[in-house]
Amino acid sequence: MASNDDSFQLETGQSPSKVRSRPQSRGANHGTSGNTEADKSREEALRQELASVKKVNETIEGVLHSLEKAKANMKVSRRKVSKAAALTSVRRSTAQSVLRRNC
């Protein structure tokens, strides 16, 4: 049967999201802060993954902000178009009234 150290391997190029965490050792040095190279590699891969996720989140937040601004601009445009349509309708009815009087 393989030991915990033998069963955990970090393959270069493997996505950190697919890496399983190593079970805690139950040996004499349980609770010590000694890190193996595999632990250090895993931590670095996780840090890189976290940085990547943070960048994606920032990008998504930027897109959401842009969409909110676009939504606000569309509301303003909709109001302006509605007012212009109402004004056009008033002018058209006024023009028709004038034409009827003059004919």
N, C-alpha and C. Protein backbone atom coordinates (compact mmCIF):
# COMPACT_ATOMS: atom_id res chain seq x y z
N MET A 1 0.85 -1.19 0.00
CA MET A 1 0.00 0.00 0.00
C MET A 1 0.88 1.23 0.00
N ALA A 2 0.55 2.23 -0.82
CA ALA A 2 1.36 3.44 -0.95
C ALA A 2 1.12 4.36 0.24
N SER A 3 2.17 5.08 0.65
CA SER A 3 2.02 6.05 1.73
C SER A 3 1.37 7.31 1.19
N ASN A 4 0.98 8.22 2.09
CA ASN A 4 0.36 9.48 1.67
C ASN A 4 1.29 10.27 0.76
N ASP A 5 2.60 10.27 1.08
CA ASP A 5 3.56 11.01 0.26
C ASP A 5 3.65 10.42 -1.13
N ASP A 6 3.58 9.09 -1.24
CA ASP A 6 3.68 8.45 -2.55
C ASP A 6 2.41 8.64 -3.36
N SER A 7 1.26 8.74 -2.71
CA SER A 7 -0.01 8.83 -3.44
C SER A 7 -0.26 10.24 -3.98
N PHE A 8 0.43 11.24 -3.45
CA PHE A 8 0.22 12.60 -3.93
C PHE A 8 1.32 12.97 -4.89
N GLN A 9 0.93 13.36 -6.09
CA GLN A 9 1.91 13.82 -7.08
C GLN A 9 1.32 15.01 -7.80
N LEU A 10 2.16 16.01 -8.03
CA LEU A 10 1.73 17.17 -8.80
C LEU A 10 2.43 17.10 -10.15
N GLU A 11 1.66 16.86 -11.17
CA GLU A 11 2.24 16.76 -12.51
C GLU A 11 2.37 18.15 -13.11
N THR A 12 3.49 18.44 -13.70
CA THR A 12 3.72 19.73 -14.31
C THR A 12 2.72 19.95 -15.42
N GLY A 13 2.10 21.13 -15.41
CA GLY A 13 1.13 21.46 -16.43
C GLY A 13 -0.29 21.08 -16.08
N GLN A 14 -0.48 20.37 -15.01
CA GLN A 14 -1.83 19.99 -14.61
C GLN A 14 -2.54 21.19 -14.00
N SER A 15 -3.79 21.36 -14.34
CA SER A 15 -4.57 22.47 -13.80
C SER A 15 -4.69 22.33 -12.30
N PRO A 16 -4.38 23.40 -11.55
CA PRO A 16 -4.47 23.32 -10.09
C PRO A 16 -5.88 23.00 -9.60
N SER A 17 -6.90 23.32 -10.39
CA SER A 17 -8.26 23.01 -9.96
C SER A 17 -8.52 21.51 -9.96
N LYS A 18 -7.68 20.74 -10.67
CA LYS A 18 -7.84 19.30 -10.71
C LYS A 18 -6.95 18.58 -9.70
N VAL A 19 -6.12 19.34 -9.01
CA VAL A 19 -5.20 18.74 -8.05
C VAL A 19 -5.94 18.48 -6.75
N ARG A 20 -5.82 17.25 -6.25
CA ARG A 20 -6.44 16.93 -4.97
C ARG A 20 -5.50 17.30 -3.85
N SER A 21 -6.05 17.79 -2.76
CA SER A 21 -5.19 18.13 -1.63
C SER A 21 -4.68 16.85 -0.98
N ARG A 22 -3.48 16.93 -0.48
CA ARG A 22 -2.85 15.78 0.15
C ARG A 22 -3.44 15.59 1.54
N PRO A 23 -3.80 14.36 1.89
CA PRO A 23 -4.32 14.12 3.24
C PRO A 23 -3.29 14.48 4.30
N GLN A 24 -3.76 14.93 5.44
CA GLN A 24 -2.87 15.28 6.54
C GLN A 24 -2.13 14.04 7.03
N SER A 25 -0.86 14.21 7.28
CA SER A 25 -0.04 13.12 7.80
C SER A 25 -0.42 12.86 9.25
N ARG A 26 -0.46 11.61 9.62
CA ARG A 26 -0.79 11.25 11.00
C ARG A 26 0.47 10.79 11.73
N GLY A 27 1.62 11.04 11.14
CA GLY A 27 2.90 10.59 11.72
C GLY A 27 3.36 11.45 12.87
N ALA A 28 4.60 11.24 13.27
CA ALA A 28 5.18 11.92 14.44
C ALA A 28 5.30 13.42 14.21
N ASN A 29 5.47 13.86 12.95
CA ASN A 29 5.64 15.29 12.71
C ASN A 29 4.33 15.97 12.32
N HIS A 30 3.22 15.39 12.72
CA HIS A 30 1.91 15.99 12.46
C HIS A 30 1.85 17.37 13.10
N GLY A 31 1.44 18.38 12.29
CA GLY A 31 1.32 19.73 12.82
C GLY A 31 2.58 20.56 12.63
N THR A 32 3.63 20.01 12.09
CA THR A 32 4.84 20.79 11.86
C THR A 32 4.68 21.56 10.57
N SER A 33 5.51 22.56 10.39
CA SER A 33 5.37 23.42 9.22
C SER A 33 6.31 23.02 8.08
N GLY A 34 6.90 21.86 8.11
CA GLY A 34 7.80 21.41 7.04
C GLY A 34 7.03 21.16 5.77
N ASN A 35 7.47 21.77 4.67
CA ASN A 35 6.82 21.59 3.39
C ASN A 35 7.71 20.79 2.46
N THR A 36 7.10 19.89 1.75
CA THR A 36 7.84 19.15 0.74
C THR A 36 7.82 19.97 -0.55
N GLU A 37 8.61 19.55 -1.51
CA GLU A 37 8.63 20.25 -2.80
C GLU A 37 7.27 20.15 -3.48
N ALA A 38 6.61 19.02 -3.32
CA ALA A 38 5.28 18.87 -3.92
C ALA A 38 4.30 19.86 -3.30
N ASP A 39 4.40 20.04 -1.98
CA ASP A 39 3.53 21.02 -1.30
C ASP A 39 3.81 22.42 -1.82
N LYS A 40 5.07 22.76 -1.96
CA LYS A 40 5.45 24.09 -2.44
C LYS A 40 4.96 24.29 -3.88
N SER A 41 5.12 23.27 -4.70
CA SER A 41 4.66 23.35 -6.09
C SER A 41 3.15 23.53 -6.14
N ARG A 42 2.46 22.78 -5.31
CA ARG A 42 1.00 22.87 -5.26
C ARG A 42 0.56 24.27 -4.82
N GLU A 43 1.20 24.79 -3.78
CA GLU A 43 0.87 26.14 -3.29
C GLU A 43 1.10 27.18 -4.38
N GLU A 44 2.21 27.07 -5.09
CA GLU A 44 2.50 28.03 -6.16
C GLU A 44 1.47 27.91 -7.27
N ALA A 45 1.09 26.68 -7.63
CA ALA A 45 0.07 26.48 -8.66
C ALA A 45 -1.26 27.08 -8.22
N LEU A 46 -1.59 26.91 -6.95
CA LEU A 46 -2.83 27.48 -6.43
C LEU A 46 -2.78 29.00 -6.42
N ARG A 47 -1.63 29.58 -6.09
CA ARG A 47 -1.49 31.04 -6.12
C ARG A 47 -1.69 31.56 -7.54
N GLN A 48 -1.10 30.87 -8.51
CA GLN A 48 -1.25 31.27 -9.90
C GLN A 48 -2.71 31.16 -10.35
N GLU A 49 -3.36 30.08 -9.94
CA GLU A 49 -4.77 29.90 -10.29
C GLU A 49 -5.62 31.01 -9.66
N LEU A 50 -5.33 31.36 -8.41
CA LEU A 50 -6.06 32.43 -7.74
C LEU A 50 -5.86 33.76 -8.47
N ALA A 51 -4.63 34.04 -8.87
CA ALA A 51 -4.36 35.28 -9.61
C ALA A 51 -5.13 35.29 -10.93
N SER A 52 -5.19 34.14 -11.58
CA SER A 52 -5.93 34.04 -12.83
C SER A 52 -7.42 34.26 -12.61
N VAL A 53 -7.96 33.68 -11.56
CA VAL A 53 -9.38 33.85 -11.24
C VAL A 53 -9.68 35.31 -10.91
N LYS A 54 -8.77 35.97 -10.18
CA LYS A 54 -8.95 37.38 -9.85
C LYS A 54 -8.99 38.24 -11.11
N LYS A 55 -8.12 37.93 -12.09
CA LYS A 55 -8.13 38.68 -13.34
C LYS A 55 -9.43 38.49 -14.08
N VAL A 56 -9.93 37.26 -14.10
CA VAL A 56 -11.20 36.97 -14.77
C VAL A 56 -12.32 37.74 -14.07
N ASN A 57 -12.32 37.74 -12.74
CA ASN A 57 -13.34 38.48 -11.99
C ASN A 57 -13.29 39.96 -12.30
N GLU A 58 -12.09 40.54 -12.37
CA GLU A 58 -11.95 41.96 -12.70
C GLU A 58 -12.51 42.24 -14.09
N THR A 59 -12.23 41.35 -15.02
CA THR A 59 -12.73 41.52 -16.38
C THR A 59 -14.26 41.46 -16.40
N ILE A 60 -14.81 40.50 -15.69
CA ILE A 60 -16.26 40.36 -15.64
C ILE A 60 -16.89 41.59 -14.98
N GLU A 61 -16.28 42.08 -13.91
CA GLU A 61 -16.79 43.28 -13.26
C GLU A 61 -16.76 44.48 -14.20
N GLY A 62 -15.71 44.58 -15.00
CA GLY A 62 -15.63 45.65 -16.00
C GLY A 62 -16.72 45.54 -17.04
N VAL A 63 -16.98 44.33 -17.50
CA VAL A 63 -18.04 44.11 -18.47
C VAL A 63 -19.40 44.47 -17.86
N LEU A 64 -19.63 44.03 -16.62
CA LEU A 64 -20.89 44.36 -15.95
C LEU A 64 -21.07 45.86 -15.79
N HIS A 65 -19.99 46.54 -15.44
CA HIS A 65 -20.05 48.01 -15.31
C HIS A 65 -20.41 48.64 -16.66
N SER A 66 -19.79 48.17 -17.71
CA SER A 66 -20.09 48.70 -19.05
C SER A 66 -21.54 48.43 -19.44
N LEU A 67 -22.03 47.24 -19.10
CA LEU A 67 -23.42 46.91 -19.41
C LEU A 67 -24.39 47.79 -18.63
N GLU A 68 -24.06 48.09 -17.38
CA GLU A 68 -24.91 48.97 -16.58
C GLU A 68 -24.95 50.38 -17.19
N LYS A 69 -23.78 50.86 -17.63
CA LYS A 69 -23.74 52.18 -18.28
C LYS A 69 -24.55 52.17 -19.57
N ALA A 70 -24.42 51.09 -20.34
CA ALA A 70 -25.17 50.98 -21.59
C ALA A 70 -26.67 50.95 -21.30
N LYS A 71 -27.05 50.24 -20.24
CA LYS A 71 -28.47 50.18 -19.86
C LYS A 71 -28.99 51.58 -19.52
N ALA A 72 -28.21 52.33 -18.75
CA ALA A 72 -28.61 53.69 -18.38
C ALA A 72 -28.72 54.57 -19.63
N ASN A 73 -27.75 54.43 -20.54
CA ASN A 73 -27.79 55.20 -21.79
C ASN A 73 -29.00 54.84 -22.64
N MET A 74 -29.36 53.55 -22.65
CA MET A 74 -30.53 53.13 -23.41
C MET A 74 -31.81 53.72 -22.83
N LYS A 75 -31.87 53.82 -21.50
CA LYS A 75 -33.05 54.43 -20.87
C LYS A 75 -33.18 55.89 -21.28
N VAL A 76 -32.04 56.60 -21.29
CA VAL A 76 -32.05 58.01 -21.70
C VAL A 76 -32.47 58.10 -23.16
N SER A 77 -31.92 57.25 -24.00
CA SER A 77 -32.27 57.26 -25.42
C SER A 77 -33.74 56.96 -25.63
N ARG A 78 -34.26 55.98 -24.89
CA ARG A 78 -35.67 55.63 -25.02
C ARG A 78 -36.56 56.81 -24.65
N ARG A 79 -36.20 57.52 -23.57
CA ARG A 79 -36.98 58.69 -23.17
C ARG A 79 -36.94 59.77 -24.24
N LYS A 80 -35.74 60.00 -24.80
CA LYS A 80 -35.61 61.04 -25.83
C LYS A 80 -36.40 60.68 -27.08
N VAL A 81 -36.36 59.41 -27.48
CA VAL A 81 -37.11 58.98 -28.66
C VAL A 81 -38.61 59.11 -28.40
N SER A 82 -39.02 58.75 -27.19
CA SER A 82 -40.44 58.86 -26.84
C SER A 82 -40.90 60.32 -26.87
N LYS A 83 -40.07 61.21 -26.33
CA LYS A 83 -40.41 62.64 -26.35
C LYS A 83 -40.43 63.18 -27.77
N ALA A 84 -39.47 62.73 -28.58
CA ALA A 84 -39.43 63.18 -29.97
C ALA A 84 -40.66 62.68 -30.73
N ALA A 85 -41.08 61.45 -30.46
CA ALA A 85 -42.26 60.90 -31.12
C ALA A 85 -43.50 61.68 -30.71
N ALA A 86 -43.59 62.01 -29.42
CA ALA A 86 -44.74 62.79 -28.94
C ALA A 86 -44.75 64.17 -29.59
N LEU A 87 -43.58 64.80 -29.66
CA LEU A 87 -43.48 66.13 -30.26
C LEU A 87 -43.83 66.07 -31.75
N THR A 88 -43.37 65.05 -32.43
CA THR A 88 -43.70 64.87 -33.85
C THR A 88 -45.19 64.70 -34.04
N SER A 89 -45.80 63.93 -33.15
CA SER A 89 -47.25 63.72 -33.23
C SER A 89 -48.01 65.03 -33.04
N VAL A 90 -47.55 65.83 -32.07
CA VAL A 90 -48.19 67.12 -31.82
C VAL A 90 -48.02 68.02 -33.04
N ARG A 91 -46.81 68.06 -33.59
CA ARG A 91 -46.57 68.92 -34.76
C ARG A 91 -47.40 68.47 -35.95
N ARG A 92 -47.51 67.15 -36.12
CA ARG A 92 -48.27 66.63 -37.25
C ARG A 92 -49.74 67.00 -37.10
N SER A 93 -50.27 66.83 -35.90
CA SER A 93 -51.70 67.17 -35.71
C SER A 93 -51.92 68.67 -35.85
N THR A 94 -50.96 69.47 -35.41
CA THR A 94 -51.06 70.92 -35.56
C THR A 94 -51.01 71.29 -37.03
N ALA A 95 -50.12 70.68 -37.77
CA ALA A 95 -49.99 70.97 -39.20
C ALA A 95 -51.26 70.57 -39.93
N GLN A 96 -51.84 69.44 -39.56
CA GLN A 96 -53.08 69.00 -40.21
C GLN A 96 -54.22 69.98 -39.90
N SER A 97 -54.25 70.48 -38.67
CA SER A 97 -55.29 71.45 -38.30
C SER A 97 -55.14 72.73 -39.12
N VAL A 98 -53.92 73.18 -39.29
CA VAL A 98 -53.66 74.39 -40.07
C VAL A 98 -54.05 74.16 -41.52
N LEU A 99 -53.71 73.01 -42.07
CA LEU A 99 -54.05 72.71 -43.45
C LEU A 99 -55.57 72.67 -43.64
N ARG A 100 -56.28 72.11 -42.69
CA ARG A 100 -57.74 72.03 -42.81
C ARG A 100 -58.36 73.44 -42.80
N ARG A 101 -57.82 74.32 -42.00
CA ARG A 101 -58.35 75.67 -41.93
C ARG A 101 -58.08 76.44 -43.22
N ASN A 102 -56.93 76.20 -43.78
CA ASN A 102 -56.53 76.93 -44.98
C ASN A 102 -57.18 76.39 -46.26
N CYS A 103 -57.71 75.20 -46.21
CA CYS A 103 -58.30 74.62 -47.43
C CYS A 103 -59.70 74.99 -47.62
